[in-house]
C-alpha atoms as a PDB file:
ATOM      1  CA  MET A   1     116.415-128.742  18.817  1.00  0.00           C
ATOM      2  CA  PHE A   2     118.984-127.651  21.326  1.00  0.00           C
ATOM      3  CA  SER A   3     117.900-127.811  24.940  1.00  0.00           C
ATOM      4  CA  PRO A   4     120.276-127.377  27.865  1.00  0.00           C
ATOM      5  CA  ASN A   5     118.555-130.214  29.715  1.00  0.00           C
ATOM      6  CA  ASN A   6     118.562-133.030  27.135  1.00  0.00           C
ATOM      7  CA  LYS A   7     121.268-135.218  25.711  1.00  0.00           C
ATOM      8  CA  THR A   8     121.715-133.168  22.532  1.00  0.00           C
ATOM      9  CA  GLU A   9     125.312-131.950  22.542  1.00  0.00           C
ATOM     10  CA  THR A  10     125.304-129.724  19.480  1.00  0.00           C
ATOM     11  CA  THR A  11     122.871-128.121  17.075  1.00  0.00           C
ATOM     12  CA  LEU A  12     123.535-126.524  13.701  1.00  0.00           C
ATOM     13  CA  LEU A  13     121.222-123.776  12.587  1.00  0.00           C
ATOM     14  CA  VAL A  14     121.922-123.680   8.846  1.00  0.00           C
ATOM     15  CA  LEU A  15     120.442-120.701   7.012  1.00  0.00           C
ATOM     16  CA  SER A  16     120.145-122.280   3.595  1.00  0.00           C
ATOM     17  CA  GLU A  17     117.453-120.040   2.230  1.00  0.00           C
ATOM     18  CA  SER A  18     118.756-118.027  -0.675  1.00  0.00           C
ATOM     19  CA  GLY A  19     120.002-114.670   0.457  1.00  0.00           C
ATOM     20  CA  LEU A  20     119.194-115.125   4.143  1.00  0.00           C
ATOM     21  CA  LEU A  21     122.003-113.342   6.018  1.00  0.00           C
ATOM     22  CA  ARG A  22     124.366-113.733   3.037  1.00  0.00           C
ATOM     23  CA  ASP A  23     125.936-110.370   3.795  1.00  0.00           C
ATOM     24  CA  TYR A  24     128.644-111.084   6.361  1.00  0.00           C
ATOM     25  CA  ARG A  25     128.137-107.861   8.312  1.00  0.00           C
ATOM     26  CA  ASP A  26     124.383-108.568   8.607  1.00  0.00           C
ATOM     27  CA  PHE A  27     125.266-112.069   9.777  1.00  0.00           C
ATOM     28  CA  VAL A  28     127.641-110.711  12.451  1.00  0.00           C
ATOM     29  CA  HIS A  29     124.950-108.383  13.697  1.00  0.00           C
ATOM     30  CA  ALA A  30     122.436-111.236  13.743  1.00  0.00           C
ATOM     31  CA  SER A  31     124.906-113.350  15.741  1.00  0.00           C
ATOM     32  CA  TRP A  32     124.983-110.632  18.391  1.00  0.00           C
ATOM     33  CA  ASP A  33     121.187-110.857  18.547  1.00  0.00           C
ATOM     34  CA  VAL A  34     121.359-114.663  18.877  1.00  0.00           C
ATOM     35  CA  MET A  35     123.839-114.325  21.740  1.00  0.00           C
ATOM     36  CA  SER A  36     121.659-111.738  23.451  1.00  0.00           C
ATOM     37  CA  LEU A  37     118.638-114.030  23.194  1.00  0.00           C
ATOM     38  CA  ILE A  38     120.652-116.812  24.784  1.00  0.00           C
ATOM     39  CA  THR A  39     122.273-114.771  27.576  1.00  0.00           C
ATOM     40  CA  ASP A  40     119.029-112.958  28.399  1.00  0.00           C
ATOM     41  CA  ASN A  41     117.088-116.213  28.750  1.00  0.00           C
ATOM     42  CA  ASP A  42     117.457-117.897  32.146  1.00  0.00           C
ATOM     43  CA  ARG A  43     116.937-121.299  30.562  1.00  0.00           C
ATOM     44  CA  PHE A  44     119.948-120.910  28.249  1.00  0.00           C
ATOM     45  CA  ALA A  45     122.256-118.414  29.989  1.00  0.00           C
ATOM     46  CA  ASN A  46     125.655-119.944  30.731  1.00  0.00           C
ATOM     47  CA  LYS A  47     124.494-123.216  29.154  1.00  0.00           C
ATOM     48  CA  CYS A  48     125.182-122.627  25.488  1.00  0.00           C
ATOM     49  CA  GLN A  49     128.030-121.348  23.344  1.00  0.00           C
ATOM     50  CA  VAL A  50     127.603-120.250  19.760  1.00  0.00           C
ATOM     51  CA  VAL A  51     130.225-120.565  17.038  1.00  0.00           C
ATOM     52  CA  ASN A  52     129.538-118.830  13.742  1.00  0.00           C
ATOM     53  CA  PHE A  53     130.428-119.876  10.215  1.00  0.00           C
ATOM     54  CA  HIS A  54     129.691-117.954   7.009  1.00  0.00           C
ATOM     55  CA  PRO A  55     130.630-118.093   3.294  1.00  0.00           C
ATOM     56  CA  ALA A  56     132.335-114.695   3.514  1.00  0.00           C
ATOM     57  CA  ALA A  57     133.755-114.955   7.054  1.00  0.00           C
ATOM     58  CA  LYS A  58     136.967-113.128   7.809  1.00  0.00           C
ATOM     59  CA  HIS A  59     138.909-113.004  11.036  1.00  0.00           C
ATOM     60  CA  SER A  60     139.282-109.266  10.576  1.00  0.00           C
ATOM     61  CA  LEU A  61     136.352-107.273   9.246  1.00  0.00           C
ATOM     62  CA  TYR A  62     138.811-104.489   8.414  1.00  0.00           C
ATOM     63  CA  ALA A  63     141.393-106.462   6.437  1.00  0.00           C
ATOM     64  CA  ASP A  64     141.160-106.193   2.679  1.00  0.00           C
ATOM     65  CA  ILE A  65     143.508-109.133   2.163  1.00  0.00           C
ATOM     66  CA  GLU A  66     142.044-112.616   2.289  1.00  0.00           C
ATOM     67  CA  SER A  67     143.871-115.104   4.479  1.00  0.00           C
ATOM     68  CA  ALA A  68     143.972-118.897   4.439  1.00  0.00           C
ATOM     69  CA  ALA A  69     143.032-118.671   8.137  1.00  0.00           C
ATOM     70  CA  ASP A  70     139.663-117.194   7.130  1.00  0.00           C
ATOM     71  CA  TYR A  71     138.704-120.687   5.914  1.00  0.00           C
ATOM     72  CA  THR A  72     138.643-121.943   9.505  1.00  0.00           C
ATOM     73  CA  ILE A  73     135.358-120.064   9.923  1.00  0.00           C
ATOM     74  CA  ARG A  74     133.853-120.460   6.459  1.00  0.00           C
ATOM     75  CA  SER A  75     130.999-122.666   5.364  1.00  0.00           C
ATOM     76  CA  PRO A  76     128.844-122.898   2.253  1.00  0.00           C
ATOM     77  CA  TYR A  77     125.870-121.425   4.178  1.00  0.00           C
ATOM     78  CA  PRO A  78     125.573-119.083   7.149  1.00  0.00           C
ATOM     79  CA  ILE A  79     125.573-121.340  10.264  1.00  0.00           C
ATOM     80  CA  PHE A  80     125.103-120.814  13.991  1.00  0.00           C
ATOM     81  CA  HIS A  81     126.660-123.808  15.789  1.00  0.00           C
ATOM     82  CA  LEU A  82     125.192-124.193  19.296  1.00  0.00           C
ATOM     83  CA  LEU A  83     127.273-126.170  21.755  1.00  0.00           C
ATOM     84  CA  LYS A  84     126.347-127.340  25.215  1.00  0.00           C
ATOM     85  CA  GLU A  85     128.672-125.414  27.550  1.00  0.00           C
ATOM     86  CA  GLU A  86     128.486-128.070  30.247  1.00  0.00           C
ATOM     87  CA  SER A  87     129.965-130.641  27.852  1.00  0.00           C
ATOM     88  CA  ILE A  88     132.714-128.268  26.695  1.00  0.00           C
ATOM     89  CA  MET A  89     133.674-127.585  30.315  1.00  0.00           C
ATOM     90  CA  ALA A  90     133.651-131.310  31.169  1.00  0.00           C
ATOM     91  CA  ALA A  91     136.006-131.999  28.252  1.00  0.00           C
ATOM     92  CA  LEU A  92     138.325-129.206  29.416  1.00  0.00           C
ATOM     93  CA  ARG A  93     138.355-130.452  33.017  1.00  0.00           C
ATOM     94  CA  ALA A  94     139.116-133.992  31.833  1.00  0.00           C
ATOM     95  CA  ASN A  95     142.004-132.690  29.694  1.00  0.00           C
ATOM     96  CA  PHE A  96     140.232-134.226  26.721  1.00  0.00           C
ATOM     97  CA  ILE A  97     141.065-131.087  24.769  1.00  0.00           C
ATOM     98  CA  LYS A  98     144.787-130.322  24.866  1.00  0.00           C
ATOM     99  CA  ASP A  99     145.674-126.612  24.905  1.00  0.00           C
ATOM    100  CA  PRO A 100     142.178-125.344  23.955  1.00  0.00           C
ATOM    101  CA  GLU A 101     143.382-121.738  23.765  1.00  0.00           C
ATOM    102  CA  GLY A 102     145.790-122.792  21.028  1.00  0.00           C
ATOM    103  CA  ILE A 103     143.195-124.441  18.764  1.00  0.00           C
ATOM    104  CA  PRO A 104     142.524-121.324  16.628  1.00  0.00           C
ATOM    105  CA  ASP A 105     146.266-120.715  16.102  1.00  0.00           C
ATOM    106  CA  ARG A 106     146.912-124.381  15.235  1.00  0.00           C
ATOM    107  CA  ASN A 107     144.060-124.385  12.757  1.00  0.00           C
ATOM    108  CA  ALA A 108     145.269-121.179  11.173  1.00  0.00           C
ATOM    109  CA  LYS A 109     148.819-122.537  10.877  1.00  0.00           C
ATOM    110  CA  ARG A 110     147.536-125.710   9.184  1.00  0.00           C
ATOM    111  CA  LEU A 111     145.620-123.714   6.611  1.00  0.00           C
ATOM    112  CA  HIS A 112     148.486-121.257   6.028  1.00  0.00           C
ATOM    113  CA  LYS A 113     150.707-124.289   5.389  1.00  0.00           C
ATOM    114  CA  LEU A 114     148.118-125.616   2.938  1.00  0.00           C
ATOM    115  CA  GLY A 115     148.024-122.234   1.217  1.00  0.00           C
ATOM    116  CA  LEU A 116     145.307-119.796   0.248  1.00  0.00           C
ATOM    117  CA  GLU A 117     144.837-121.162  -3.297  1.00  0.00           C
ATOM    118  CA  GLU A 118     144.405-124.736  -2.007  1.00  0.00           C
ATOM    119  CA  CYS A 119     141.907-123.536   0.608  1.00  0.00           C
ATOM    120  CA  LYS A 120     139.960-121.771  -2.116  1.00  0.00           C
ATOM    121  CA  ARG A 121     140.047-124.860  -4.332  1.00  0.00           C
ATOM    122  CA  ARG A 122     138.796-127.171  -1.585  1.00  0.00           C
ATOM    123  CA  TYR A 123     136.108-124.722  -0.512  1.00  0.00           C
ATOM    124  CA  ALA A 124     134.870-124.411  -4.116  1.00  0.00           C
ATOM    125  CA  GLU A 125     134.409-128.228  -4.157  1.00  0.00           C
ATOM    126  CA  LEU A 126     131.825-127.839  -1.383  1.00  0.00           C
ATOM    127  CA  LEU A 127     129.677-125.477  -3.391  1.00  0.00           C
END
């Protein structure tokens, strides 16, 4: 399990139970609770980042149109990905990650180039 003081760099909390947080809005609300638990706990505050993935994830909760970019945050099951912030910051300081702010845009461009139908096809192969 993730601990800010051990050598574990990343932890995936995969919610594979049928129906558990399958509704994307419920999942988003639960992710806020997870972040509150982390930031309100002295042991984990400023030591952990959480990245969310979900089968129905969308970059905009208000957009009716599906985008290929939505597949950058999709997974077969709802997942909370916990990352050790200290390691992320070390990678940034060492310039290991080039242009980290541009990563989401680069990923979205790659998937737009691939096309929505191809993203859907590849995603369906995971299920």
